[in-house]
Structures are given as structure tokens and as C-alpha cells.
């Protein structure tokens, strides 16, 4: 017997985003300190937006490389939105993954929702004891 999906159908729009967020949180219980989670959620959103739309890539030179190299963004910024996002440990206390579900219109005009991206971060500690989460380049 087939069970009804807890997720909204594709094309539901903003109205379905809350259910997608609840499904992510239910599937992967929180396991990071609240401050780390907040930082990673913000960084993950900013990094995905920069990757998809090109806006803000200069903030992430280690991730994107030479900021002077022109790269055409794959998605329009006007039709880009993050539907849901969570940050969780990735096997160790100094590694995390930000799991994002998002929607966007590509340069050809095709709009698709429920796209999934995982961004990985590693915590580094400076000689002064300050720590930071740094995105890991995509393989």
C-alpha cells in the first residue's frame, strides 16, 4: 500500500517550503551547537546563492578561485530561493554539512524547485584560539 508523501508536490511554491523544512529537521535531528549551526546556515545560504547566481563570489575566493575570472551564473537572482536548510555534523566534530533544498530559474528560463545541494565545511582554529568554519571546494 502506498503512503502519502509528507512533502508538498513540485511547483507548490513558497507555500510548501515550511513542510520541506520540517521534513529535513525530522529526518536529521540537530547535533551542532546553536552558534555553530547559525553560522553554518548563514554561510551555506550565502555560498549557494553565490554559486548559483554569481552574486557574492568575491567573499569566497578559496572556494571559487580567481574573483577576476568572469563566470556566467547558471541561475537568475530574481527567481532563486532557498526552500529549506539544515546544518549537521559530517562524521566528526570539526566537519559539517549544510543540506539545502532550493528553487531557481536557469538562464534558459526553466524553473525547477526541490533542487538539492550539500555544502561541506571544516572547522579550523587559529593560533589565537579562534575557530572558523571554512567551505571545502567541490570535487
C-alpha atoms as a PDB file:
ATOM      1  CA  UNK A   1       0.000   0.000   0.000  1.00  0.00           C
ATOM      2  CA  UNK A   2       1.450   3.389  -0.989  1.00  0.00           C
ATOM      3  CA  UNK A   3       1.730   6.053   1.688  1.00  0.00           C
ATOM      4  CA  UNK A   4       1.134   9.749   1.110  1.00  0.00           C
ATOM      5  CA  UNK A   5       4.285  11.850   0.956  1.00  0.00           C
ATOM      6  CA  UNK A   6       4.825  14.399   3.717  1.00  0.00           C
ATOM      7  CA  UNK A   7       6.452  16.654   1.143  1.00  0.00           C
ATOM      8  CA  UNK A   8       4.484  19.097  -0.968  1.00  0.00           C
ATOM      9  CA  UNK A   9       4.228  18.428  -4.705  1.00  0.00           C
ATOM     10  CA  UNK A  10       6.707  20.049  -7.072  1.00  0.00           C
ATOM     11  CA  UNK A  11       5.586  23.506  -8.063  1.00  0.00           C
ATOM     12  CA  UNK A  12       3.840  24.196  -4.748  1.00  0.00           C
ATOM     13  CA  UNK A  13       5.886  27.392  -4.373  1.00  0.00           C
ATOM     14  CA  UNK A  14       6.624  29.205  -1.143  1.00  0.00           C
ATOM     15  CA  UNK A  15       3.584  27.589   0.494  1.00  0.00           C
ATOM     16  CA  UNK A  16       5.375  24.216   0.535  1.00  0.00           C
ATOM     17  CA  UNK A  17       8.708  25.412   1.914  1.00  0.00           C
ATOM     18  CA  UNK A  18       7.706  25.051   5.580  1.00  0.00           C
ATOM     19  CA  UNK A  19       6.861  21.367   5.061  1.00  0.00           C
ATOM     20  CA  UNK A  20      10.197  20.745   3.352  1.00  0.00           C
ATOM     21  CA  UNK A  21      11.982  22.410   6.297  1.00  0.00           C
ATOM     22  CA  UNK A  22      10.053  20.260   8.800  1.00  0.00           C
ATOM     23  CA  UNK A  23      10.862  17.103   6.849  1.00  0.00           C
ATOM     24  CA  UNK A  24      14.598  17.907   6.876  1.00  0.00           C
ATOM     25  CA  UNK A  25      14.599  18.665  10.602  1.00  0.00           C
ATOM     26  CA  UNK A  26      12.659  15.492  11.329  1.00  0.00           C
ATOM     27  CA  UNK A  27      14.938  13.311   9.201  1.00  0.00           C
ATOM     28  CA  UNK A  28      18.183  14.661  10.704  1.00  0.00           C
ATOM     29  CA  UNK A  29      17.990  15.693  14.366  1.00  0.00           C
ATOM     30  CA  UNK A  30      20.169  18.669  15.328  1.00  0.00           C
ATOM     31  CA  UNK A  31      23.663  17.763  16.530  1.00  0.00           C
ATOM     32  CA  UNK A  32      25.613  21.047  16.420  1.00  0.00           C
ATOM     33  CA  UNK A  33      25.977  23.786  18.998  1.00  0.00           C
ATOM     34  CA  UNK A  34      23.377  26.510  18.243  1.00  0.00           C
ATOM     35  CA  UNK A  35      26.064  29.114  17.463  1.00  0.00           C
ATOM     36  CA  UNK A  36      27.812  26.763  15.026  1.00  0.00           C
ATOM     37  CA  UNK A  37      24.502  25.880  13.385  1.00  0.00           C
ATOM     38  CA  UNK A  38      23.538  29.553  12.927  1.00  0.00           C
ATOM     39  CA  UNK A  39      26.922  30.365  11.386  1.00  0.00           C
ATOM     40  CA  UNK A  40      26.807  27.361   9.060  1.00  0.00           C
ATOM     41  CA  UNK A  41      23.222  28.054   7.950  1.00  0.00           C
ATOM     42  CA  UNK A  42      24.110  31.651   7.049  1.00  0.00           C
ATOM     43  CA  UNK A  43      27.333  30.597   5.300  1.00  0.00           C
ATOM     44  CA  UNK A  44      25.586  27.799   3.419  1.00  0.00           C
ATOM     45  CA  UNK A  45      22.840  30.110   2.156  1.00  0.00           C
ATOM     46  CA  UNK A  46      25.353  32.778   1.106  1.00  0.00           C
ATOM     47  CA  UNK A  47      27.638  30.257  -0.580  1.00  0.00           C
ATOM     48  CA  UNK A  48      24.839  28.576  -2.527  1.00  0.00           C
ATOM     49  CA  UNK A  49      23.467  31.958  -3.639  1.00  0.00           C
ATOM     50  CA  UNK A  50      26.956  32.979  -4.809  1.00  0.00           C
ATOM     51  CA  UNK A  51      27.448  29.686  -6.635  1.00  0.00           C
ATOM     52  CA  UNK A  52      24.059  29.677  -8.356  1.00  0.00           C
ATOM     53  CA  UNK A  53      23.642  33.373  -9.174  1.00  0.00           C
ATOM     54  CA  UNK A  54      27.203  34.723  -9.139  1.00  0.00           C
ATOM     55  CA  UNK A  55      26.296  37.332  -6.501  1.00  0.00           C
ATOM     56  CA  UNK A  56      28.858  37.443  -3.682  1.00  0.00           C
ATOM     57  CA  UNK A  57      31.508  35.129  -5.115  1.00  0.00           C
ATOM     58  CA  UNK A  58      34.288  37.549  -4.122  1.00  0.00           C
ATOM     59  CA  UNK A  59      33.531  36.728  -0.467  1.00  0.00           C
ATOM     60  CA  UNK A  60      34.628  33.124  -1.093  1.00  0.00           C
ATOM     61  CA  UNK A  61      37.950  33.265  -3.040  1.00  0.00           C
ATOM     62  CA  UNK A  62      39.208  29.925  -1.698  1.00  0.00           C
ATOM     63  CA  UNK A  63      36.023  28.257  -2.927  1.00  0.00           C
ATOM     64  CA  UNK A  64      35.557  29.946  -6.303  1.00  0.00           C
ATOM     65  CA  UNK A  65      39.132  30.777  -7.232  1.00  0.00           C
ATOM     66  CA  UNK A  66      40.171  33.963  -9.011  1.00  0.00           C
ATOM     67  CA  UNK A  67      37.445  36.583  -8.402  1.00  0.00           C
ATOM     68  CA  UNK A  68      38.518  38.414 -11.582  1.00  0.00           C
ATOM     69  CA  UNK A  69      37.705  35.430 -13.794  1.00  0.00           C
ATOM     70  CA  UNK A  70      34.292  36.008 -15.350  1.00  0.00           C
ATOM     71  CA  UNK A  71      31.877  33.118 -14.902  1.00  0.00           C
ATOM     72  CA  UNK A  72      28.324  33.366 -16.170  1.00  0.00           C
ATOM     73  CA  UNK A  73      25.880  32.482 -13.393  1.00  0.00           C
ATOM     74  CA  UNK A  74      23.693  29.461 -14.074  1.00  0.00           C
ATOM     75  CA  UNK A  75      20.591  30.915 -12.393  1.00  0.00           C
ATOM     76  CA  UNK A  76      18.875  34.283 -12.295  1.00  0.00           C
ATOM     77  CA  UNK A  77      18.946  36.002  -8.908  1.00  0.00           C
ATOM     78  CA  UNK A  78      15.347  37.190  -9.303  1.00  0.00           C
ATOM     79  CA  UNK A  79      13.972  33.630  -9.430  1.00  0.00           C
ATOM     80  CA  UNK A  80      16.254  31.965  -6.869  1.00  0.00           C
ATOM     81  CA  UNK A  81      15.112  30.954  -3.404  1.00  0.00           C
ATOM     82  CA  UNK A  82      16.207  28.583  -0.705  1.00  0.00           C
ATOM     83  CA  UNK A  83      13.293  26.414   0.309  1.00  0.00           C
ATOM     84  CA  UNK A  84      14.844  24.730   3.350  1.00  0.00           C
ATOM     85  CA  UNK A  85      18.237  24.323   5.004  1.00  0.00           C
ATOM     86  CA  UNK A  86      19.826  22.398   7.867  1.00  0.00           C
ATOM     87  CA  UNK A  87      23.400  22.091   9.165  1.00  0.00           C
ATOM     88  CA  UNK A  88      24.636  18.862  10.746  1.00  0.00           C
ATOM     89  CA  UNK A  89      27.901  17.195  11.718  1.00  0.00           C
ATOM     90  CA  UNK A  90      29.608  15.240   8.995  1.00  0.00           C
ATOM     91  CA  UNK A  91      31.178  12.365  10.895  1.00  0.00           C
ATOM     92  CA  UNK A  92      33.382  14.438  13.230  1.00  0.00           C
ATOM     93  CA  UNK A  93      33.075  17.493  15.466  1.00  0.00           C
ATOM     94  CA  UNK A  94      35.260  19.568  13.109  1.00  0.00           C
ATOM     95  CA  UNK A  95      33.309  18.693   9.938  1.00  0.00           C
ATOM     96  CA  UNK A  96      29.797  19.736   8.942  1.00  0.00           C
ATOM     97  CA  UNK A  97      27.437  19.546   6.005  1.00  0.00           C
ATOM     98  CA  UNK A  98      24.839  22.142   5.100  1.00  0.00           C
ATOM     99  CA  UNK A  99      21.981  20.471   3.276  1.00  0.00           C
ATOM    100  CA  UNK A 100      19.945  22.892   1.130  1.00  0.00           C
ATOM    101  CA  UNK A 101      16.765  22.462  -0.868  1.00  0.00           C
ATOM    102  CA  UNK A 102      16.237  25.284  -3.326  1.00  0.00           C
ATOM    103  CA  UNK A 103      14.441  26.537  -6.393  1.00  0.00           C
ATOM    104  CA  UNK A 104      15.672  28.551  -9.324  1.00  0.00           C
ATOM    105  CA  UNK A 105      15.220  29.579 -12.920  1.00  0.00           C
ATOM    106  CA  UNK A 106      18.166  28.811 -15.165  1.00  0.00           C
ATOM    107  CA  UNK A 107      19.392  31.065 -17.960  1.00  0.00           C
ATOM    108  CA  UNK A 108      17.201  29.189 -20.415  1.00  0.00           C
ATOM    109  CA  UNK A 109      14.071  30.096 -18.451  1.00  0.00           C
ATOM    110  CA  UNK A 110      13.396  26.681 -16.909  1.00  0.00           C
ATOM    111  CA  UNK A 111      12.205  26.950 -13.303  1.00  0.00           C
ATOM    112  CA  UNK A 112      12.707  23.933 -11.065  1.00  0.00           C
ATOM    113  CA  UNK A 113      12.129  23.509  -7.354  1.00  0.00           C
ATOM    114  CA  UNK A 114      13.307  20.873  -4.849  1.00  0.00           C
ATOM    115  CA  UNK A 115      16.906  21.042  -6.096  1.00  0.00           C
ATOM    116  CA  UNK A 116      19.320  19.589  -3.534  1.00  0.00           C
ATOM    117  CA  UNK A 117      22.827  20.780  -2.715  1.00  0.00           C
ATOM    118  CA  UNK A 118      25.155  19.671   0.060  1.00  0.00           C
ATOM    119  CA  UNK A 119      27.973  22.011   1.035  1.00  0.00           C
ATOM    120  CA  UNK A 120      30.776  20.749   3.275  1.00  0.00           C
ATOM    121  CA  UNK A 121      32.656  22.775   5.873  1.00  0.00           C
ATOM    122  CA  UNK A 122      35.678  22.139   8.088  1.00  0.00           C
ATOM    123  CA  UNK A 123      36.366  23.947  11.343  1.00  0.00           C
ATOM    124  CA  UNK A 124      39.827  25.439  11.671  1.00  0.00           C
ATOM    125  CA  UNK A 125      41.367  27.005  14.759  1.00  0.00           C
ATOM    126  CA  UNK A 126      43.802  29.908  14.613  1.00  0.00           C
ATOM    127  CA  UNK A 127      46.922  30.166  16.747  1.00  0.00           C
ATOM    128  CA  UNK A 128      44.971  32.600  18.946  1.00  0.00           C
ATOM    129  CA  UNK A 129      42.261  30.012  19.613  1.00  0.00           C
ATOM    130  CA  UNK A 130      39.550  31.482  17.389  1.00  0.00           C
ATOM    131  CA  UNK A 131      37.704  28.968  15.254  1.00  0.00           C
ATOM    132  CA  UNK A 132      36.029  29.352  11.873  1.00  0.00           C
ATOM    133  CA  UNK A 133      34.028  27.140   9.526  1.00  0.00           C
ATOM    134  CA  UNK A 134      35.545  27.055   6.037  1.00  0.00           C
ATOM    135  CA  UNK A 135      33.800  25.674   2.946  1.00  0.00           C
ATOM    136  CA  UNK A 136      35.507  22.821   1.184  1.00  0.00           C
ATOM    137  CA  UNK A 137      35.842  23.105  -2.595  1.00  0.00           C
ATOM    138  CA  UNK A 138      33.557  20.819  -4.542  1.00  0.00           C
ATOM    139  CA  UNK A 139      35.257  17.798  -6.053  1.00  0.00           C
END
